[in-house]
């Protein structure tokens, strides 16, 4: 079984439509998991032309978007997979501020990945799929796969080299851009993911997009 994984598409907000390369990469999936930040939700019927879709709500949810759960557990191919966007309201500003002040990448990833695994501890999942951080992750925490496919729209509000927005949003744009630059060029390359599931065994794959 092949599960396509996609996150942070921001269609209708920062992108006009999902890139054809993302749809091409998802072709052949038996199921698609969307880990949040669909923005206006128009992407769901587009993805459903490829395969059935399970999606969760992110922190960029525009008016009129479909009501989605914050988290869900999916049973597929003999495996249990937790799906969540991954926003951490108390931690996110601290991480971004620390990166910006240090002017380099700091070691916070392990704490984030442990938090993602803990979010589904009671559900005894085999994997946790999340988004939000716009960076591909393949990690194991106490036997649980923690997987982030990266983002289709990695630069968010600055996608396509847009200038920062006016006012306070523009200040946030500059700070977040500096944080994302410190993640390195590969982190800012668009990507989707695949989970190859057979008899409950999950093999993860990151698929960079042009």
N, C-alpha and C. Protein backbone atom coordinates (compact mmCIF):
# COMPACT_ATOMS: atom_id res chain seq x y z
N UNK A 1 0.85 -1.19 0.00
CA UNK A 1 0.00 0.00 0.00
C UNK A 1 0.88 1.24 0.00
N UNK A 2 0.52 2.20 -0.82
CA UNK A 2 1.26 3.46 -0.87
C UNK A 2 0.37 4.58 -0.35
N UNK A 3 0.86 5.26 0.66
CA UNK A 3 0.14 6.41 1.23
C UNK A 3 0.90 7.67 0.85
N UNK A 4 0.26 8.54 0.07
CA UNK A 4 0.84 9.83 -0.24
C UNK A 4 0.66 10.79 0.93
N UNK A 5 1.68 11.55 1.23
CA UNK A 5 1.63 12.50 2.35
C UNK A 5 1.96 13.88 1.84
N UNK A 6 1.13 14.83 2.20
CA UNK A 6 1.29 16.20 1.72
C UNK A 6 0.91 17.15 2.85
N UNK A 7 1.52 18.31 2.89
CA UNK A 7 1.24 19.26 3.97
C UNK A 7 1.54 20.68 3.51
N UNK A 8 0.95 21.62 4.21
CA UNK A 8 1.27 23.04 4.04
C UNK A 8 1.20 23.45 2.57
N UNK A 9 0.03 23.21 1.97
CA UNK A 9 -0.18 23.58 0.57
C UNK A 9 -0.58 25.05 0.44
N UNK A 10 -1.32 25.59 1.40
CA UNK A 10 -1.67 27.01 1.44
C UNK A 10 -2.32 27.49 0.14
N UNK A 11 -3.09 26.60 -0.50
CA UNK A 11 -3.76 26.97 -1.74
C UNK A 11 -4.92 27.93 -1.44
N UNK A 12 -4.99 29.00 -2.22
CA UNK A 12 -5.98 30.04 -1.98
C UNK A 12 -5.47 31.14 -1.07
N UNK A 13 -4.32 30.90 -0.47
CA UNK A 13 -3.71 31.88 0.44
C UNK A 13 -2.39 32.39 -0.14
N UNK A 14 -1.42 31.50 -0.28
CA UNK A 14 -0.12 31.88 -0.83
C UNK A 14 0.15 31.26 -2.20
N UNK A 15 -0.57 30.20 -2.53
CA UNK A 15 -0.50 29.58 -3.86
C UNK A 15 -1.88 29.62 -4.50
N UNK A 16 -1.93 29.84 -5.82
CA UNK A 16 -3.22 29.87 -6.51
C UNK A 16 -3.77 28.46 -6.72
N UNK A 17 -2.88 27.48 -6.86
CA UNK A 17 -3.32 26.11 -7.09
C UNK A 17 -2.18 25.18 -6.71
N UNK A 18 -2.49 23.91 -6.55
CA UNK A 18 -1.45 22.95 -6.23
C UNK A 18 -0.60 22.70 -7.47
N UNK A 19 0.72 22.69 -7.34
CA UNK A 19 1.58 22.46 -8.51
C UNK A 19 1.32 21.08 -9.13
N UNK A 20 1.37 21.03 -10.45
CA UNK A 20 1.14 19.76 -11.13
C UNK A 20 2.18 18.72 -10.74
N UNK A 21 3.39 19.17 -10.39
CA UNK A 21 4.44 18.23 -9.97
C UNK A 21 4.05 17.49 -8.71
N UNK A 22 3.33 18.16 -7.80
CA UNK A 22 2.88 17.49 -6.57
C UNK A 22 1.85 16.42 -6.89
N UNK A 23 0.92 16.73 -7.79
CA UNK A 23 -0.08 15.74 -8.19
C UNK A 23 0.57 14.56 -8.90
N UNK A 24 1.55 14.85 -9.73
CA UNK A 24 2.26 13.78 -10.44
C UNK A 24 2.96 12.86 -9.44
N UNK A 25 3.55 13.46 -8.41
CA UNK A 25 4.28 12.68 -7.41
C UNK A 25 3.34 11.83 -6.56
N UNK A 26 2.10 12.29 -6.39
CA UNK A 26 1.12 11.55 -5.59
C UNK A 26 0.42 10.46 -6.40
N UNK A 27 0.55 10.50 -7.72
CA UNK A 27 -0.11 9.50 -8.57
C UNK A 27 0.31 8.10 -8.16
N UNK A 28 -0.66 7.19 -8.13
CA UNK A 28 -0.39 5.83 -7.71
C UNK A 28 -0.62 5.58 -6.24
N UNK A 29 -0.95 6.63 -5.48
CA UNK A 29 -1.24 6.47 -4.05
C UNK A 29 -2.58 5.76 -3.87
N UNK A 30 -2.66 4.94 -2.85
CA UNK A 30 -3.92 4.31 -2.47
C UNK A 30 -4.71 5.19 -1.50
N UNK A 31 -4.01 6.08 -0.84
CA UNK A 31 -4.60 6.98 0.15
C UNK A 31 -3.70 8.20 0.24
N UNK A 32 -4.29 9.36 0.50
CA UNK A 32 -3.50 10.59 0.69
C UNK A 32 -3.82 11.16 2.07
N UNK A 33 -2.78 11.47 2.83
CA UNK A 33 -2.90 12.15 4.10
C UNK A 33 -2.43 13.59 3.93
N UNK A 34 -3.27 14.55 4.34
CA UNK A 34 -2.87 15.96 4.29
C UNK A 34 -2.73 16.45 5.73
N UNK A 35 -1.51 16.87 6.08
CA UNK A 35 -1.19 17.23 7.46
C UNK A 35 -1.41 18.70 7.77
N UNK A 36 -2.43 19.30 7.17
CA UNK A 36 -2.85 20.63 7.60
C UNK A 36 -2.29 21.79 6.81
N UNK A 37 -2.90 22.94 7.06
CA UNK A 37 -2.67 24.19 6.32
C UNK A 37 -3.04 24.03 4.85
N UNK A 38 -4.27 23.53 4.64
CA UNK A 38 -4.85 23.53 3.31
C UNK A 38 -5.26 24.95 2.92
N UNK A 39 -5.48 25.79 3.92
CA UNK A 39 -5.95 27.18 3.79
C UNK A 39 -7.42 27.24 3.42
N UNK A 40 -7.78 27.23 2.13
CA UNK A 40 -9.21 27.39 1.82
C UNK A 40 -9.92 26.07 1.56
N UNK A 41 -9.20 24.97 1.53
CA UNK A 41 -9.82 23.66 1.37
C UNK A 41 -10.12 23.25 -0.05
N UNK A 42 -9.89 24.13 -1.02
CA UNK A 42 -10.22 23.79 -2.42
C UNK A 42 -9.35 22.67 -2.97
N UNK A 43 -8.25 22.39 -2.29
CA UNK A 43 -7.35 21.34 -2.75
C UNK A 43 -7.93 19.95 -2.55
N UNK A 44 -8.86 19.78 -1.61
CA UNK A 44 -9.35 18.43 -1.29
C UNK A 44 -9.97 17.74 -2.50
N UNK A 45 -10.94 18.36 -3.21
CA UNK A 45 -11.49 17.65 -4.38
C UNK A 45 -10.46 17.39 -5.47
N UNK A 46 -9.44 18.23 -5.56
CA UNK A 46 -8.37 18.00 -6.54
C UNK A 46 -7.59 16.75 -6.16
N UNK A 47 -7.25 16.62 -4.89
CA UNK A 47 -6.51 15.44 -4.43
C UNK A 47 -7.36 14.19 -4.52
N UNK A 48 -8.67 14.33 -4.32
CA UNK A 48 -9.55 13.16 -4.36
C UNK A 48 -9.64 12.54 -5.76
N UNK A 49 -9.22 13.29 -6.78
CA UNK A 49 -9.15 12.69 -8.12
C UNK A 49 -8.00 11.70 -8.21
N UNK A 50 -7.05 11.80 -7.28
CA UNK A 50 -5.91 10.89 -7.26
C UNK A 50 -6.20 9.69 -6.36
N UNK A 51 -6.71 9.96 -5.14
CA UNK A 51 -6.96 8.90 -4.17
C UNK A 51 -7.84 9.47 -3.04
N UNK A 52 -8.46 8.62 -2.24
CA UNK A 52 -9.19 9.11 -1.07
C UNK A 52 -8.28 9.94 -0.16
N UNK A 53 -8.85 10.94 0.48
CA UNK A 53 -8.07 11.90 1.26
C UNK A 53 -8.55 11.93 2.71
N UNK A 54 -7.59 11.93 3.63
CA UNK A 54 -7.85 12.21 5.04
C UNK A 54 -7.03 13.45 5.38
N UNK A 55 -7.68 14.48 5.92
CA UNK A 55 -6.99 15.75 6.19
C UNK A 55 -7.31 16.24 7.59
N UNK A 56 -6.39 17.01 8.15
CA UNK A 56 -6.60 17.65 9.45
C UNK A 56 -6.45 19.16 9.31
N UNK A 57 -6.95 19.85 10.30
CA UNK A 57 -6.92 21.31 10.31
C UNK A 57 -5.53 21.80 10.72
N UNK A 58 -5.07 22.88 10.09
CA UNK A 58 -3.83 23.52 10.49
C UNK A 58 -4.09 24.84 11.18
N UNK A 59 -3.06 25.67 11.28
CA UNK A 59 -3.24 26.98 11.91
C UNK A 59 -3.53 28.07 10.88
N UNK A 60 -3.48 27.74 9.58
CA UNK A 60 -3.91 28.66 8.53
C UNK A 60 -5.18 28.07 7.93
N UNK A 61 -6.31 28.51 8.44
CA UNK A 61 -7.60 27.96 8.05
C UNK A 61 -8.50 29.13 7.69
N UNK A 62 -8.72 29.34 6.40
CA UNK A 62 -9.44 30.52 5.94
C UNK A 62 -10.94 30.37 6.10
N UNK A 63 -11.67 31.51 6.19
CA UNK A 63 -13.13 31.44 6.30
C UNK A 63 -13.73 30.66 5.13
N UNK A 64 -14.71 29.82 5.45
CA UNK A 64 -15.36 29.03 4.42
C UNK A 64 -14.69 27.69 4.15
N UNK A 65 -13.52 27.46 4.75
CA UNK A 65 -12.84 26.17 4.56
C UNK A 65 -13.63 25.07 5.28
N UNK A 66 -13.53 23.84 4.84
CA UNK A 66 -14.28 22.75 5.49
C UNK A 66 -13.83 22.54 6.93
N UNK A 67 -14.76 22.10 7.76
CA UNK A 67 -14.44 21.79 9.15
C UNK A 67 -13.69 20.47 9.18
N UNK A 68 -12.52 20.48 9.76
CA UNK A 68 -11.67 19.31 9.81
C UNK A 68 -11.25 19.03 11.25
N UNK A 69 -10.97 17.78 11.58
CA UNK A 69 -10.49 17.48 12.94
C UNK A 69 -9.07 18.00 13.15
N UNK A 70 -8.72 18.21 14.41
CA UNK A 70 -7.34 18.62 14.73
C UNK A 70 -6.37 17.45 14.60
N UNK A 71 -6.88 16.25 14.88
CA UNK A 71 -6.04 15.05 14.79
C UNK A 71 -6.93 13.86 14.50
N UNK A 72 -6.34 12.82 13.93
CA UNK A 72 -7.09 11.62 13.60
C UNK A 72 -6.11 10.45 13.54
N UNK A 73 -6.62 9.24 13.80
CA UNK A 73 -5.82 8.03 13.65
C UNK A 73 -6.37 7.25 12.46
N UNK A 74 -5.49 6.89 11.55
CA UNK A 74 -5.85 6.17 10.32
C UNK A 74 -5.30 4.76 10.40
N UNK A 75 -6.14 3.78 10.12
CA UNK A 75 -5.71 2.39 10.02
C UNK A 75 -5.53 2.05 8.54
N UNK A 76 -4.32 1.71 8.15
CA UNK A 76 -4.04 1.46 6.73
C UNK A 76 -2.91 0.45 6.60
N UNK A 77 -3.11 -0.57 5.79
CA UNK A 77 -2.07 -1.54 5.52
C UNK A 77 -1.57 -2.28 6.74
N UNK A 78 -2.43 -2.40 7.75
CA UNK A 78 -2.02 -3.08 8.97
C UNK A 78 -1.27 -2.19 9.94
N UNK A 79 -1.19 -0.89 9.67
CA UNK A 79 -0.50 0.06 10.55
C UNK A 79 -1.48 1.11 11.05
N UNK A 80 -1.16 1.65 12.21
CA UNK A 80 -1.94 2.76 12.79
C UNK A 80 -1.12 4.04 12.68
N UNK A 81 -1.69 5.04 12.04
CA UNK A 81 -0.95 6.27 11.75
C UNK A 81 -1.71 7.46 12.34
N UNK A 82 -1.06 8.20 13.21
CA UNK A 82 -1.64 9.43 13.75
C UNK A 82 -1.34 10.59 12.81
N UNK A 83 -2.35 11.41 12.56
CA UNK A 83 -2.21 12.56 11.64
C UNK A 83 -2.55 13.83 12.40
N UNK A 84 -1.63 14.80 12.37
CA UNK A 84 -1.79 16.05 13.12
C UNK A 84 -1.02 17.14 12.38
N UNK A 85 -1.43 18.39 12.55
CA UNK A 85 -0.65 19.45 11.91
C UNK A 85 0.64 19.71 12.66
N UNK A 86 0.55 19.86 13.99
CA UNK A 86 1.76 19.96 14.78
C UNK A 86 2.05 21.32 15.36
N UNK A 87 1.13 22.28 15.25
CA UNK A 87 1.39 23.60 15.80
C UNK A 87 1.56 23.52 17.31
N UNK A 88 2.56 24.24 17.82
CA UNK A 88 2.82 24.29 19.27
C UNK A 88 2.88 25.77 19.65
N UNK A 89 1.73 26.31 20.04
CA UNK A 89 1.60 27.75 20.23
C UNK A 89 2.56 28.31 21.28
N UNK A 90 2.85 27.53 22.30
CA UNK A 90 3.73 28.04 23.35
C UNK A 90 5.20 27.97 22.94
N UNK A 91 5.53 27.03 22.06
CA UNK A 91 6.93 26.77 21.72
C UNK A 91 7.37 27.46 20.44
N UNK A 92 6.49 27.56 19.45
CA UNK A 92 6.87 28.09 18.14
C UNK A 92 7.58 29.44 18.21
N UNK A 93 7.01 30.45 18.90
CA UNK A 93 7.68 31.75 18.93
C UNK A 93 9.07 31.68 19.58
N UNK A 94 9.22 30.81 20.59
CA UNK A 94 10.51 30.69 21.27
C UNK A 94 11.56 30.10 20.33
N UNK A 95 11.16 29.09 19.56
CA UNK A 95 12.09 28.46 18.62
C UNK A 95 12.54 29.45 17.56
N UNK A 96 11.58 30.17 16.97
CA UNK A 96 11.91 31.12 15.92
C UNK A 96 12.78 32.25 16.45
N UNK A 97 12.44 32.75 17.64
CA UNK A 97 13.23 33.83 18.25
C UNK A 97 14.65 33.37 18.55
N UNK A 98 14.78 32.15 19.07
CA UNK A 98 16.11 31.64 19.41
C UNK A 98 16.96 31.46 18.15
N UNK A 99 16.37 30.93 17.08
CA UNK A 99 17.11 30.80 15.83
C UNK A 99 17.57 32.16 15.31
N UNK A 100 16.67 33.12 15.36
CA UNK A 100 16.98 34.44 14.82
C UNK A 100 18.09 35.10 15.63
N UNK A 101 18.03 34.96 16.96
CA UNK A 101 19.05 35.56 17.81
C UNK A 101 20.40 34.88 17.63
N UNK A 102 20.39 33.55 17.49
CA UNK A 102 21.64 32.81 17.37
C UNK A 102 22.25 32.92 15.98
N UNK A 103 21.42 33.27 14.99
CA UNK A 103 21.85 33.36 13.58
C UNK A 103 22.41 32.03 13.08
N UNK A 104 21.91 30.96 13.61
CA UNK A 104 22.30 29.63 13.17
C UNK A 104 21.21 28.65 13.61
N UNK A 105 21.28 27.47 13.07
CA UNK A 105 20.35 26.44 13.47
C UNK A 105 20.69 25.95 14.87
N UNK A 106 19.67 25.78 15.70
CA UNK A 106 19.88 25.28 17.05
C UNK A 106 19.23 23.91 17.20
N UNK A 107 19.65 23.16 18.21
CA UNK A 107 19.19 21.79 18.37
C UNK A 107 17.89 21.69 19.16
N UNK A 108 16.78 21.85 18.49
CA UNK A 108 15.47 21.77 19.16
C UNK A 108 14.63 20.64 18.57
N UNK A 109 15.07 20.06 17.46
CA UNK A 109 14.26 19.11 16.70
C UNK A 109 13.84 17.90 17.53
N UNK A 110 14.73 17.39 18.36
CA UNK A 110 14.42 16.18 19.12
C UNK A 110 13.23 16.40 20.05
N UNK A 111 13.16 17.58 20.67
CA UNK A 111 12.04 17.89 21.55
C UNK A 111 10.73 17.96 20.80
N UNK A 112 10.76 18.55 19.62
CA UNK A 112 9.56 18.60 18.78
C UNK A 112 9.09 17.21 18.40
N UNK A 113 10.04 16.38 17.97
CA UNK A 113 9.67 15.04 17.51
C UNK A 113 9.12 14.20 18.66
N UNK A 114 9.69 14.35 19.85
CA UNK A 114 9.14 13.64 21.01
C UNK A 114 7.72 14.09 21.30
N UNK A 115 7.47 15.40 21.16
CA UNK A 115 6.13 15.93 21.40
C UNK A 115 5.13 15.37 20.40
N UNK A 116 5.53 15.22 19.13
CA UNK A 116 4.63 14.65 18.13
C UNK A 116 4.29 13.20 18.47
N UNK A 117 5.29 12.43 18.91
CA UNK A 117 5.03 11.04 19.29
C UNK A 117 4.12 10.97 20.52
N UNK A 118 4.35 11.86 21.50
CA UNK A 118 3.52 11.85 22.72
C UNK A 118 2.07 12.18 22.43
N UNK A 119 1.83 12.95 21.38
CA UNK A 119 0.46 13.37 21.08
C UNK A 119 -0.46 12.18 20.83
N UNK A 120 0.11 11.04 20.43
CA UNK A 120 -0.70 9.85 20.13
C UNK A 120 -0.30 8.65 20.99
N UNK A 121 0.34 8.93 22.12
CA UNK A 121 0.82 7.82 22.95
C UNK A 121 -0.32 6.91 23.38
N UNK A 122 -1.46 7.48 23.76
CA UNK A 122 -2.59 6.68 24.23
C UNK A 122 -3.22 5.84 23.12
N UNK A 123 -3.01 6.25 21.87
CA UNK A 123 -3.60 5.52 20.74
C UNK A 123 -2.70 4.40 20.20
N UNK A 124 -1.49 4.29 20.73
CA UNK A 124 -0.56 3.21 20.36
C UNK A 124 -0.37 3.13 18.84
N UNK A 125 0.06 4.24 18.26
CA UNK A 125 0.24 4.29 16.82
C UNK A 125 1.63 3.79 16.43
N UNK A 126 1.74 3.42 15.16
CA UNK A 126 3.04 3.01 14.61
C UNK A 126 3.80 4.19 14.02
N UNK A 127 3.07 5.24 13.64
CA UNK A 127 3.69 6.42 13.03
C UNK A 127 2.86 7.65 13.34
N UNK A 128 3.51 8.79 13.35
CA UNK A 128 2.84 10.09 13.46
C UNK A 128 3.27 10.93 12.27
N UNK A 129 2.29 11.39 11.51
CA UNK A 129 2.53 12.27 10.37
C UNK A 129 2.12 13.69 10.77
N UNK A 130 3.01 14.66 10.55
CA UNK A 130 2.71 16.04 10.93
C UNK A 130 3.23 16.98 9.85
N UNK A 131 2.89 18.25 9.98
CA UNK A 131 3.32 19.28 9.04
C UNK A 131 3.86 20.48 9.79
N UNK A 132 3.40 21.66 9.41
CA UNK A 132 3.61 22.93 10.13
C UNK A 132 5.02 23.51 10.01
N UNK A 133 6.06 22.67 10.14
CA UNK A 133 7.42 23.20 10.22
C UNK A 133 8.07 23.39 8.87
N UNK A 134 7.39 22.97 7.79
CA UNK A 134 7.89 23.19 6.43
C UNK A 134 9.27 22.57 6.23
N UNK A 135 9.50 21.44 6.86
CA UNK A 135 10.80 20.78 6.76
C UNK A 135 10.60 19.27 6.84
N UNK A 136 11.19 18.54 5.91
CA UNK A 136 11.06 17.09 5.90
C UNK A 136 11.75 16.47 7.12
N UNK A 137 11.08 15.48 7.72
CA UNK A 137 11.61 14.81 8.91
C UNK A 137 11.32 13.32 8.80
N UNK A 138 12.33 12.50 9.00
CA UNK A 138 12.16 11.06 9.20
C UNK A 138 12.93 10.71 10.47
N UNK A 139 12.22 10.35 11.52
CA UNK A 139 12.85 10.12 12.81
C UNK A 139 12.05 9.04 13.53
N UNK A 140 12.66 8.33 14.43
CA UNK A 140 11.96 7.35 15.26
C UNK A 140 12.10 7.74 16.72
N UNK A 141 10.99 7.70 17.42
CA UNK A 141 10.96 8.02 18.85
C UNK A 141 10.33 6.83 19.56
N UNK A 142 11.12 6.11 20.32
CA UNK A 142 10.62 4.94 21.06
C UNK A 142 9.84 3.99 20.16
N UNK A 143 10.39 3.74 18.98
CA UNK A 143 9.78 2.79 18.07
C UNK A 143 8.68 3.35 17.20
N UNK A 144 8.33 4.62 17.36
CA UNK A 144 7.28 5.27 16.56
C UNK A 144 7.94 6.13 15.48
N UNK A 145 7.55 5.92 14.23
CA UNK A 145 8.04 6.76 13.14
C UNK A 145 7.41 8.14 13.25
N UNK A 146 8.23 9.17 13.24
CA UNK A 146 7.76 10.56 13.22
C UNK A 146 8.13 11.11 11.84
N UNK A 147 7.11 11.51 11.07
CA UNK A 147 7.32 11.79 9.64
C UNK A 147 6.68 13.11 9.24
N UNK A 148 7.49 13.96 8.63
CA UNK A 148 7.01 15.21 8.04
C UNK A 148 7.47 15.21 6.59
N UNK A 149 6.51 15.34 5.68
CA UNK A 149 6.83 15.28 4.25
C UNK A 149 7.44 16.57 3.72
N UNK A 150 7.60 17.58 4.57
CA UNK A 150 7.98 18.89 4.08
C UNK A 150 6.76 19.64 3.58
N UNK A 151 6.95 20.74 2.90
CA UNK A 151 5.84 21.60 2.49
C UNK A 151 5.80 21.75 0.98
N UNK A 152 4.59 21.81 0.44
CA UNK A 152 4.41 22.17 -0.96
C UNK A 152 4.68 23.65 -1.16
N UNK A 153 4.39 24.44 -0.14
CA UNK A 153 4.60 25.90 -0.17
C UNK A 153 5.58 26.26 0.94
N UNK A 154 6.88 25.94 0.79
CA UNK A 154 7.80 26.03 1.92
C UNK A 154 8.04 27.43 2.46
N UNK A 155 7.93 28.46 1.61
CA UNK A 155 8.23 29.81 2.09
C UNK A 155 7.00 30.54 2.63
N UNK A 156 5.82 29.90 2.54
CA UNK A 156 4.63 30.52 3.11
C UNK A 156 4.30 31.85 2.48
N UNK A 157 4.15 32.89 3.29
CA UNK A 157 3.74 34.20 2.80
C UNK A 157 4.77 34.85 1.89
N UNK A 158 5.99 34.32 1.86
CA UNK A 158 7.05 34.86 1.00
C UNK A 158 7.29 33.98 -0.21
N UNK A 159 6.34 33.06 -0.49
CA UNK A 159 6.48 32.15 -1.63
C UNK A 159 6.63 32.93 -2.93
N UNK A 160 7.52 32.43 -3.78
CA UNK A 160 7.74 33.08 -5.06
C UNK A 160 8.52 34.38 -4.96
N UNK A 161 9.20 34.60 -3.83
CA UNK A 161 9.97 35.82 -3.67
C UNK A 161 9.14 37.05 -3.41
N UNK A 162 7.91 36.86 -2.90
CA UNK A 162 7.07 38.03 -2.60
C UNK A 162 7.75 38.92 -1.56
N UNK A 163 7.52 40.22 -1.64
CA UNK A 163 8.04 41.10 -0.60
C UNK A 163 7.26 40.92 0.69
N UNK A 164 7.85 41.24 1.84
CA UNK A 164 7.11 41.15 3.10
C UNK A 164 5.85 42.02 3.05
N UNK A 165 4.83 41.57 3.74
CA UNK A 165 3.58 42.32 3.80
C UNK A 165 3.76 43.61 4.60
N UNK A 166 2.86 44.57 4.45
CA UNK A 166 2.99 45.81 5.21
C UNK A 166 2.63 45.61 6.69
N UNK A 167 3.13 46.51 7.53
CA UNK A 167 2.75 46.51 8.94
C UNK A 167 3.34 45.36 9.73
N UNK A 168 2.63 44.99 10.81
CA UNK A 168 3.11 43.93 11.69
C UNK A 168 3.27 42.59 10.97
N UNK A 169 2.37 42.22 10.03
CA UNK A 169 2.60 40.96 9.32
C UNK A 169 3.95 40.93 8.60
N UNK A 170 4.40 42.10 8.11
CA UNK A 170 5.69 42.16 7.43
C UNK A 170 6.86 41.90 8.38
N UNK A 171 6.73 42.35 9.62
CA UNK A 171 7.78 42.06 10.61
C UNK A 171 7.85 40.56 10.85
N UNK A 172 6.68 39.93 10.99
CA UNK A 172 6.66 38.48 11.17
C UNK A 172 7.24 37.77 9.95
N UNK A 173 6.93 38.27 8.75
CA UNK A 173 7.49 37.68 7.54
C UNK A 173 9.01 37.68 7.57
N UNK A 174 9.60 38.81 7.95
CA UNK A 174 11.06 38.92 7.95
C UNK A 174 11.69 37.97 8.96
N UNK A 175 11.08 37.88 10.14
CA UNK A 175 11.62 37.00 11.18
C UNK A 175 11.53 35.54 10.76
N UNK A 176 10.36 35.15 10.23
CA UNK A 176 10.18 33.76 9.82
C UNK A 176 11.09 33.43 8.64
N UNK A 177 11.27 34.38 7.71
CA UNK A 177 12.18 34.13 6.59
C UNK A 177 13.60 33.88 7.11
N UNK A 178 14.04 34.68 8.07
CA UNK A 178 15.39 34.47 8.60
C UNK A 178 15.51 33.10 9.25
N UNK A 179 14.46 32.71 9.99
CA UNK A 179 14.45 31.38 10.60
C UNK A 179 14.55 30.29 9.54
N UNK A 180 13.76 30.41 8.48
CA UNK A 180 13.73 29.37 7.46
C UNK A 180 15.01 29.33 6.65
N UNK A 181 15.64 30.49 6.46
CA UNK A 181 16.94 30.50 5.78
C UNK A 181 17.97 29.71 6.56
N UNK A 182 17.86 29.73 7.89
CA UNK A 182 18.82 29.02 8.72
C UNK A 182 18.59 27.52 8.72
N UNK A 183 17.43 27.09 8.21
CA UNK A 183 17.19 25.65 8.07
C UNK A 183 18.00 25.07 6.91
N UNK A 184 18.39 25.91 5.98
CA UNK A 184 19.19 25.45 4.85
C UNK A 184 18.36 25.30 3.59
N UNK A 185 19.01 25.32 2.43
CA UNK A 185 18.30 25.32 1.15
C UNK A 185 17.46 24.07 0.90
N UNK A 186 17.93 22.91 1.37
CA UNK A 186 17.16 21.68 1.12
C UNK A 186 15.83 21.70 1.86
N UNK A 187 15.81 22.31 3.04
CA UNK A 187 14.56 22.39 3.80
C UNK A 187 13.54 23.26 3.09
N UNK A 188 14.00 24.20 2.29
CA UNK A 188 13.09 25.13 1.62
C UNK A 188 12.74 24.69 0.21
N UNK A 189 13.06 23.45 -0.11
CA UNK A 189 12.65 22.90 -1.41
C UNK A 189 11.29 22.23 -1.24
N UNK A 190 10.33 22.48 -2.11
CA UNK A 190 9.02 21.83 -1.98
C UNK A 190 9.16 20.32 -2.05
N UNK A 191 8.30 19.62 -1.32
CA UNK A 191 8.35 18.16 -1.32
C UNK A 191 7.02 17.58 -0.88
N UNK A 192 6.83 16.32 -1.23
CA UNK A 192 5.74 15.52 -0.67
C UNK A 192 6.39 14.25 -0.12
N UNK A 193 5.58 13.37 0.46
CA UNK A 193 6.13 12.15 1.01
C UNK A 193 5.32 10.93 0.60
N UNK A 194 5.91 9.78 0.80
CA UNK A 194 5.20 8.52 0.61
C UNK A 194 5.52 7.61 1.79
N UNK A 195 4.51 6.89 2.21
CA UNK A 195 4.69 5.82 3.19
C UNK A 195 4.32 4.51 2.50
N UNK A 196 5.31 3.64 2.38
CA UNK A 196 5.06 2.32 1.79
C UNK A 196 4.74 1.38 2.96
N UNK A 197 3.53 0.88 3.00
CA UNK A 197 3.07 0.09 4.14
C UNK A 197 2.75 -1.33 3.67
N UNK A 198 3.38 -2.29 4.34
CA UNK A 198 3.12 -3.69 4.01
C UNK A 198 3.16 -4.51 5.29
N UNK A 199 2.06 -5.18 5.57
CA UNK A 199 1.94 -6.01 6.78
C UNK A 199 2.32 -5.23 8.03
N UNK A 200 1.90 -3.98 8.09
CA UNK A 200 2.14 -3.15 9.26
C UNK A 200 3.51 -2.52 9.32
N UNK A 201 4.39 -2.83 8.37
CA UNK A 201 5.74 -2.25 8.34
C UNK A 201 5.71 -1.03 7.43
N UNK A 202 6.23 0.10 7.93
CA UNK A 202 6.17 1.36 7.20
C UNK A 202 7.57 1.76 6.75
N UNK A 203 7.70 2.02 5.46
CA UNK A 203 8.96 2.54 4.91
C UNK A 203 8.70 3.94 4.38
N UNK A 204 9.31 4.96 4.99
CA UNK A 204 9.05 6.35 4.59
C UNK A 204 9.95 6.81 3.44
N UNK A 205 9.45 7.76 2.68
CA UNK A 205 10.20 8.31 1.55
C UNK A 205 9.84 9.79 1.39
N UNK A 206 10.85 10.63 1.20
CA UNK A 206 10.65 12.04 0.87
C UNK A 206 10.84 12.22 -0.63
N UNK A 207 9.91 12.92 -1.28
CA UNK A 207 9.98 13.14 -2.72
C UNK A 207 10.11 14.63 -2.99
N UNK A 208 11.33 15.13 -3.26
CA UNK A 208 11.50 16.56 -3.58
C UNK A 208 10.78 16.89 -4.88
N UNK A 209 10.27 18.11 -4.96
CA UNK A 209 9.58 18.58 -6.16
C UNK A 209 10.44 19.63 -6.86
N UNK A 210 10.31 19.73 -8.19
CA UNK A 210 11.10 20.75 -8.88
C UNK A 210 10.62 22.15 -8.54
